[in-house]
Protein backbone atom coordinates (compact mmCIF):
# COMPACT_ATOMS: atom_id res chain seq x y z
CA MET A 1 -0.11 -57.58 -10.83
CA THR A 2 0.70 -54.10 -9.46
CA PHE A 3 3.88 -52.13 -9.95
CA ALA A 4 5.48 -49.55 -7.68
CA SER A 5 5.53 -46.02 -9.04
CA PRO A 6 8.89 -44.25 -9.34
CA HIS A 7 7.85 -42.14 -6.36
CA ASP A 8 7.63 -45.24 -4.17
CA THR A 9 11.21 -46.06 -5.13
CA TRP A 10 12.50 -42.49 -4.93
CA PHE A 11 10.85 -41.60 -1.62
CA PRO A 12 10.56 -44.86 0.36
CA ASP A 13 10.54 -43.01 3.69
CA ALA A 14 7.87 -40.48 2.74
CA ALA A 15 5.21 -40.13 5.42
CA PHE A 16 2.43 -40.14 2.82
CA ASP A 17 1.79 -40.43 -0.92
CA ALA A 18 2.37 -36.89 -2.16
CA SER A 19 0.73 -37.69 -5.49
CA TYR A 20 -2.50 -37.86 -3.47
CA GLY A 21 -3.59 -40.67 -5.78
CA HIS A 22 -3.60 -38.46 -8.85
CA THR A 23 -2.28 -39.09 -12.35
CA LEU A 24 -1.44 -36.52 -14.99
CA LYS A 25 -4.86 -37.15 -16.54
CA THR A 26 -6.77 -36.47 -13.32
CA LEU A 27 -4.61 -33.46 -12.50
CA ARG A 28 -5.30 -31.94 -15.91
CA GLY A 29 -8.99 -32.31 -15.13
CA ILE A 30 -8.93 -30.22 -11.93
CA ALA A 31 -10.80 -27.02 -12.57
CA PRO A 32 -9.73 -23.65 -11.18
CA ILE A 33 -12.12 -21.98 -8.77
CA ALA A 34 -14.26 -19.34 -10.43
CA PRO A 35 -13.53 -15.86 -9.07
CA PRO A 36 -16.12 -14.72 -6.54
CA GLU A 37 -18.37 -11.81 -7.36
CA GLY A 38 -16.41 -8.58 -7.00
CA PHE A 39 -13.01 -10.29 -7.37
CA ALA A 40 -11.79 -8.16 -10.27
CA LYS A 41 -13.22 -4.97 -8.77
CA ARG A 42 -11.40 -5.53 -5.48
CA TRP A 43 -8.06 -6.33 -7.11
CA MET A 44 -8.35 -3.37 -9.48
CA ARG A 45 -8.99 -1.14 -6.46
CA TRP A 46 -5.82 -2.46 -4.85
CA ARG A 47 -3.95 -1.87 -8.11
CA ASP A 48 -5.22 1.72 -8.29
CA GLU A 49 -4.17 2.29 -4.68
CA ALA A 50 -0.69 0.93 -5.40
CA ARG A 51 -0.32 3.39 -8.29
CA GLN A 52 -0.67 6.19 -5.76
CA VAL A 53 2.34 4.92 -3.78
CA ASP A 54 5.76 6.23 -4.76
CA ALA A 55 8.16 3.28 -4.71
CA ALA A 56 10.94 5.86 -4.14
CA PRO A 57 13.78 3.37 -4.61
CA VAL A 58 17.08 4.12 -2.90
CA VAL A 59 20.31 2.25 -3.67
CA LEU A 60 21.91 1.11 -0.42
CA SER A 61 24.95 -0.74 -1.75
CA VAL A 62 26.50 -1.87 -5.03
CA ASP A 63 28.44 -5.03 -5.88
CA SER A 64 28.92 -7.27 -8.92
CA ALA A 65 28.14 -10.85 -9.88
CA ALA A 66 28.78 -12.67 -13.17
CA GLY A 67 29.91 -9.37 -14.66
CA ARG A 68 26.68 -7.60 -13.73
CA ARG A 69 26.09 -4.69 -11.40
CA VAL A 70 24.10 -5.86 -8.39
CA SER A 71 22.53 -3.36 -5.99
CA VAL A 72 20.69 -3.74 -2.73
CA ILE A 73 17.83 -1.28 -2.78
CA GLU A 74 15.05 -0.10 -0.51
CA TYR A 75 11.60 0.85 -1.81
CA SER A 76 8.06 1.37 -0.56
CA GLY A 77 5.63 -1.54 -0.58
CA ALA A 78 1.90 -1.32 -1.18
CA ASP A 79 1.14 0.12 2.26
CA GLY A 80 4.27 2.28 2.41
CA THR A 81 6.36 -0.26 4.34
CA ARG A 82 9.98 0.13 3.28
CA LEU A 83 11.24 -3.16 1.86
CA ARG A 84 14.59 -4.30 0.50
CA ALA A 85 15.47 -6.14 -2.70
CA TRP A 86 18.33 -6.84 -5.07
CA VAL A 87 18.45 -5.20 -8.49
CA VAL A 88 20.61 -6.59 -11.30
CA GLU A 89 21.56 -4.64 -14.41
CA PRO A 90 22.58 -6.11 -17.80
CA VAL A 91 26.13 -7.05 -18.68
CA SER A 92 26.23 -4.24 -21.25
CA GLY A 93 23.87 -1.77 -22.86
CA ALA A 94 20.30 -0.99 -21.99
CA ALA A 95 17.97 -3.71 -20.72
CA ARG A 96 15.58 -5.23 -23.28
CA ILE A 97 13.28 -6.65 -20.60
CA GLY A 98 12.81 -6.45 -16.86
CA VAL A 99 12.44 -9.64 -14.82
CA VAL A 100 10.61 -9.63 -11.49
CA HIS A 101 11.94 -12.76 -9.78
CA SER A 102 10.29 -13.89 -6.56
CA HIS A 103 11.13 -16.83 -4.26
CA GLY A 104 9.81 -19.67 -2.13
CA TYR A 105 8.51 -19.46 1.42
CA GLY A 106 12.00 -19.74 2.84
CA GLY A 107 12.83 -16.26 1.58
CA ARG A 108 15.98 -15.50 -0.34
CA GLU A 109 19.63 -15.36 0.73
CA ALA A 110 21.12 -14.27 -2.60
CA ILE A 111 20.26 -13.64 -6.23
CA ASP A 112 19.94 -16.51 -8.72
CA LEU A 113 20.67 -15.54 -12.31
CA ALA A 114 19.84 -18.91 -13.89
CA ARG A 115 16.55 -17.62 -15.35
CA VAL A 116 17.72 -14.06 -16.09
CA PRO A 117 19.16 -13.44 -19.59
CA ASP A 118 22.24 -11.25 -19.98
CA HIS A 119 20.18 -8.56 -21.73
CA ALA A 120 17.67 -8.32 -18.86
CA ALA A 121 17.49 -6.14 -15.80
CA ALA A 122 15.97 -7.89 -12.80
CA VAL A 123 14.61 -7.21 -9.36
CA PHE A 124 14.74 -9.92 -6.72
CA PRO A 125 12.19 -8.74 -4.16
CA VAL A 126 12.03 -10.44 -0.79
CA ALA A 127 8.49 -10.69 0.55
CA ARG A 128 7.64 -8.64 3.59
CA GLY A 129 8.51 -10.44 6.80
CA LEU A 130 10.80 -13.00 5.16
CA PRO A 131 14.57 -13.51 5.30
CA THR A 132 17.08 -12.33 4.63
CA LEU A 133 16.49 -8.76 3.58
CA ASN A 134 13.02 -8.26 5.12
CA ALA A 135 12.93 -10.62 8.10
CA GLY A 136 10.22 -9.37 10.43
CA VAL A 137 9.56 -6.23 8.38
CA GLY A 138 5.86 -5.65 7.71
CA ALA A 139 4.87 -9.20 8.74
CA PRO A 140 6.02 -11.88 11.19
CA GLU A 141 8.90 -14.07 10.00
CA PRO A 142 7.89 -17.62 11.10
CA ILE A 143 5.94 -19.24 8.27
CA ALA A 144 3.24 -20.49 10.62
CA GLU A 145 2.58 -16.90 11.69
CA HIS A 146 3.32 -15.27 8.35
CA VAL A 147 0.74 -17.18 6.29
CA LEU A 148 -2.02 -16.30 8.78
CA ALA A 149 -1.12 -12.62 9.30
CA GLY A 150 -4.20 -10.45 8.69
CA ILE A 151 -6.32 -13.38 7.54
CA ASP A 152 -9.38 -11.84 9.20
CA ASP A 153 -9.35 -8.89 6.77
CA PRO A 154 -8.81 -9.10 2.97
CA ASP A 155 -7.25 -5.62 2.94
CA ARG A 156 -4.62 -6.68 5.45
CA TYR A 157 -4.07 -10.36 4.60
CA VAL A 158 -0.36 -10.93 4.08
CA LEU A 159 -0.66 -12.87 0.81
CA GLY A 160 -2.52 -9.96 -0.74
CA LEU A 161 0.00 -7.47 0.58
CA CYS A 162 2.90 -9.56 -0.76
CA ALA A 163 1.25 -9.73 -4.18
CA ARG A 164 0.57 -6.00 -4.18
CA ASP A 165 4.18 -5.33 -3.14
CA LEU A 166 5.26 -6.94 -6.42
CA TRP A 167 3.73 -4.03 -8.34
CA LEU A 168 5.91 -1.62 -6.35
CA ALA A 169 9.00 -3.81 -6.80
CA ALA A 170 8.42 -3.54 -10.56
CA ASP A 171 8.03 0.24 -10.21
CA ALA A 172 11.38 0.36 -8.42
CA LEU A 173 13.09 -1.76 -11.07
CA LEU A 174 11.87 0.38 -13.95
CA ALA A 175 12.73 3.60 -12.14
CA LEU A 176 16.31 2.44 -11.69
CA THR A 177 17.02 0.59 -14.95
CA GLY A 178 14.71 2.12 -17.57
CA ASP A 179 11.27 1.44 -19.00
CA THR A 180 10.98 -2.07 -20.47
CA PRO A 181 8.33 -4.77 -20.74
CA LEU A 182 8.22 -7.11 -17.75
CA TYR A 183 8.42 -10.87 -17.31
CA TYR A 184 7.63 -12.62 -14.03
CA VAL A 185 9.41 -15.61 -12.49
CA GLY A 186 8.17 -17.11 -9.23
CA GLU A 187 8.57 -20.43 -7.46
CA SER A 188 6.21 -22.01 -4.91
CA PHE A 189 5.19 -19.06 -2.68
CA GLY A 190 6.47 -16.73 -5.40
CA GLY A 191 4.44 -18.56 -8.03
CA GLY A 192 1.31 -18.09 -5.98
CA ILE A 193 1.66 -14.40 -5.19
CA GLY A 194 2.77 -13.75 -8.77
CA SER A 195 -0.42 -15.40 -10.01
CA LEU A 196 -2.41 -13.00 -7.85
CA ALA A 197 -0.53 -9.93 -9.08
CA LEU A 198 -0.26 -10.65 -12.81
CA PRO A 199 -3.75 -9.93 -14.19
CA TRP A 200 -3.78 -6.36 -12.93
CA ASP A 201 -0.41 -5.17 -14.26
CA ASP A 202 -0.39 -4.55 -18.02
CA ARG A 203 3.37 -4.10 -18.11
CA TYR A 204 3.88 -7.89 -18.12
CA ILE A 205 4.25 -9.83 -21.36
CA GLY A 206 4.67 -13.28 -19.83
CA ALA A 207 5.54 -15.35 -16.79
CA THR A 208 7.01 -18.60 -15.52
CA LEU A 209 5.39 -20.12 -12.43
CA ILE A 210 7.30 -22.98 -10.82
CA VAL A 211 5.32 -25.40 -8.59
CA PRO A 212 2.97 -22.49 -7.74
CA SER A 213 1.22 -22.34 -4.39
CA PHE A 214 -2.15 -20.93 -3.24
CA GLY A 215 -4.15 -22.55 -6.04
CA GLN A 216 -7.61 -24.15 -5.65
CA TYR A 217 -8.35 -23.86 -1.94
CA ASP A 218 -11.11 -26.47 -2.12
CA GLU A 219 -8.38 -28.97 -2.99
CA ARG A 220 -5.71 -27.46 -0.71
CA LEU A 221 -7.90 -27.46 2.37
CA ALA A 222 -8.98 -31.06 1.81
CA VAL A 223 -5.54 -32.69 2.16
CA HIS A 224 -2.58 -32.82 4.51
CA CYS A 225 0.74 -31.33 3.39
CA LEU A 226 4.07 -30.27 4.89
CA GLY A 227 3.94 -26.65 3.71
CA SER A 228 2.13 -23.50 4.72
CA GLY A 229 -1.11 -25.00 3.45
CA GLU A 230 -1.26 -27.23 6.53
CA VAL A 231 -1.20 -24.19 8.81
CA VAL A 232 -4.02 -22.62 6.82
CA ARG A 233 -5.99 -25.88 6.81
CA ALA A 234 -5.84 -26.12 10.61
CA HIS A 235 -6.82 -22.47 10.96
CA VAL A 236 -9.83 -22.79 8.67
CA ALA A 237 -10.96 -25.93 10.53
CA ALA A 238 -11.00 -23.86 13.73
CA HIS A 239 -12.24 -20.64 12.09
CA PRO A 240 -14.50 -21.55 9.12
CA GLU A 241 -15.15 -17.89 8.37
CA ALA A 242 -11.54 -17.61 7.12
CA ARG A 243 -12.52 -19.68 4.08
CA GLU A 244 -14.42 -16.68 2.75
CA VAL A 245 -11.32 -14.48 3.00
CA LEU A 246 -9.25 -17.02 1.09
CA ARG A 247 -11.59 -16.74 -1.92
CA TRP A 248 -9.91 -13.41 -2.73
CA PHE A 249 -6.46 -15.02 -2.76
CA ASP A 250 -6.87 -18.16 -4.87
CA ALA A 251 -4.13 -18.28 -7.52
CA SER A 252 -6.28 -20.46 -9.78
CA SER A 253 -9.10 -17.89 -9.74
CA SER A 254 -6.67 -15.11 -10.56
CA MET A 255 -5.09 -16.98 -13.44
CA THR A 256 -8.44 -17.32 -15.20
CA LEU A 257 -8.19 -13.54 -15.72
CA THR A 258 -4.56 -13.43 -16.91
CA GLN A 259 -4.15 -12.49 -20.57
CA VAL A 260 -0.42 -13.07 -21.16
CA PRO A 261 1.37 -16.31 -22.09
CA VAL A 262 2.26 -18.23 -18.95
CA ARG A 263 4.60 -21.16 -18.49
CA VAL A 264 3.79 -23.42 -15.53
CA GLU A 265 6.17 -26.06 -14.22
CA ALA A 266 3.88 -28.35 -12.21
CA ALA A 267 4.86 -31.47 -10.28
CA LEU A 268 3.14 -34.86 -10.13
CA TRP A 269 4.35 -35.47 -6.56
CA ASP A 270 4.89 -32.76 -3.98
CA PRO A 271 4.43 -32.98 -0.20
CA TYR A 272 4.70 -29.20 0.33
CA VAL A 273 2.43 -27.81 -2.40
CA PRO A 274 -0.12 -30.48 -3.34
CA PRO A 275 -0.10 -31.08 -7.12
CA GLN A 276 -3.87 -30.51 -7.28
CA GLY A 277 -3.33 -26.83 -6.55
CA GLN A 278 -0.41 -26.49 -8.94
CA PHE A 279 -2.34 -28.00 -11.83
CA ALA A 280 -5.44 -25.94 -11.06
CA VAL A 281 -3.27 -22.86 -11.63
CA ALA A 282 -1.97 -24.32 -14.89
CA ASN A 283 -5.45 -25.37 -16.02
CA ALA A 284 -6.66 -21.79 -15.56
CA VAL A 285 -4.16 -20.35 -18.04
CA GLY A 286 -5.42 -19.44 -21.50
CA GLU A 287 -2.08 -19.43 -23.36
CA LEU A 288 -0.29 -22.18 -21.45
CA ASP A 289 3.19 -23.67 -21.80
CA LEU A 290 3.09 -26.63 -19.38
CA GLU A 291 6.11 -28.58 -18.23
CA VAL A 292 5.30 -31.60 -16.07
CA LEU A 293 7.90 -32.28 -13.38
CA PRO A 294 8.22 -35.74 -11.79
CA ALA A 295 8.31 -34.21 -8.30
CA GLY A 296 8.50 -30.85 -6.56
CA HIS A 297 10.22 -29.65 -3.40
CA ALA A 298 12.38 -32.79 -3.49
CA ASP A 299 15.54 -34.27 -4.96
CA TYR A 300 15.30 -37.53 -6.89
CA PRO A 301 17.35 -39.46 -9.48
CA GLY A 302 17.89 -37.14 -12.43
CA SER A 303 16.40 -34.11 -10.71
CA GLU A 304 19.38 -31.89 -11.54
CA ASP A 305 18.95 -32.63 -15.25
CA VAL A 306 15.19 -31.99 -15.00
CA ARG A 307 15.81 -28.61 -13.34
CA ALA A 308 18.45 -27.65 -15.89
CA ALA A 309 16.08 -28.48 -18.76
CA ALA A 310 13.25 -26.54 -17.12
CA ILE A 311 15.50 -23.49 -16.79
CA ARG A 312 16.45 -23.71 -20.48
CA HIS A 313 12.81 -24.02 -21.49
CA GLY A 314 11.84 -21.14 -19.23
CA ARG A 315 14.44 -18.86 -20.78
CA ALA A 316 13.27 -19.90 -24.24
CA HIS A 317 9.71 -18.98 -23.23
CA LEU A 318 10.88 -15.53 -22.15
CA GLU A 319 12.66 -14.99 -25.45
CA ARG A 320 9.59 -16.12 -27.43
CA VAL A 321 7.18 -13.78 -25.70
CA LEU A 322 9.70 -10.92 -25.91
CA GLY A 323 10.10 -11.54 -29.65
CA ALA A 324 6.34 -11.57 -30.09
CA SER A 325 5.72 -8.39 -28.10
């Protein structure tokens, strides 16, 4: 006798099985891709180049939310492109930690303080090219064009530039709110580019990656999905040489070199970011706090409670690593 999985009941109209036939056991067995020769050297060169860029943050406007000062700022990205972000300052007193809080591939319309403690300062960077603050700036806005921008050249590929921009967003935050240790929060697209940026920035003491993208391209390129990975898969099928460029931007490879405690919230079912890639990122982490989500990029019975618990656990992880630093 066979039994339907909860996903069959929750998503009866799904076009395909977004578990891809995997179980938690098989997902925990997916190995990250070993970094190619020269991986660390190339990323350290990019990090050194970013240190030569003056973020030069400028406050454009000031407002308030939940009793906190909220500013829209402009700063220089890794190649000097002027980008915009939100900066949040603590309710009172000096910040104890700075949070760099990225977003999914849809961009960001407003700040979200759910994962930012009252005692933290935070920057909410918006990736180059993406809405709302940086639509069309430094990269094309449509996702199908954005994810392929510069893919013929590792120095210009947009995912690398977005990751490198995170170092400058952190520079801008610390310049405006004071020198503190850093903690990273990123979801989906933001989880992937954060994974790429983390190993090379020793200011970070920890991170939370939520359903992270761009992990384990051997797995990503082998399956259909509804997210940006499908655009990349089609491109690589037509241009096989692009696979070699992607080796420099595999979040699972990067996470094998990350030294700080990392919390990963990875989903068993996800039509946008295949779980194989998410778990490859998690499996690469040395000091891992893993939370297994029933599904990602989807609503399902009890999903609000699952998200609320994940947020609580993520904030507890931040406090633990801050206390241990």
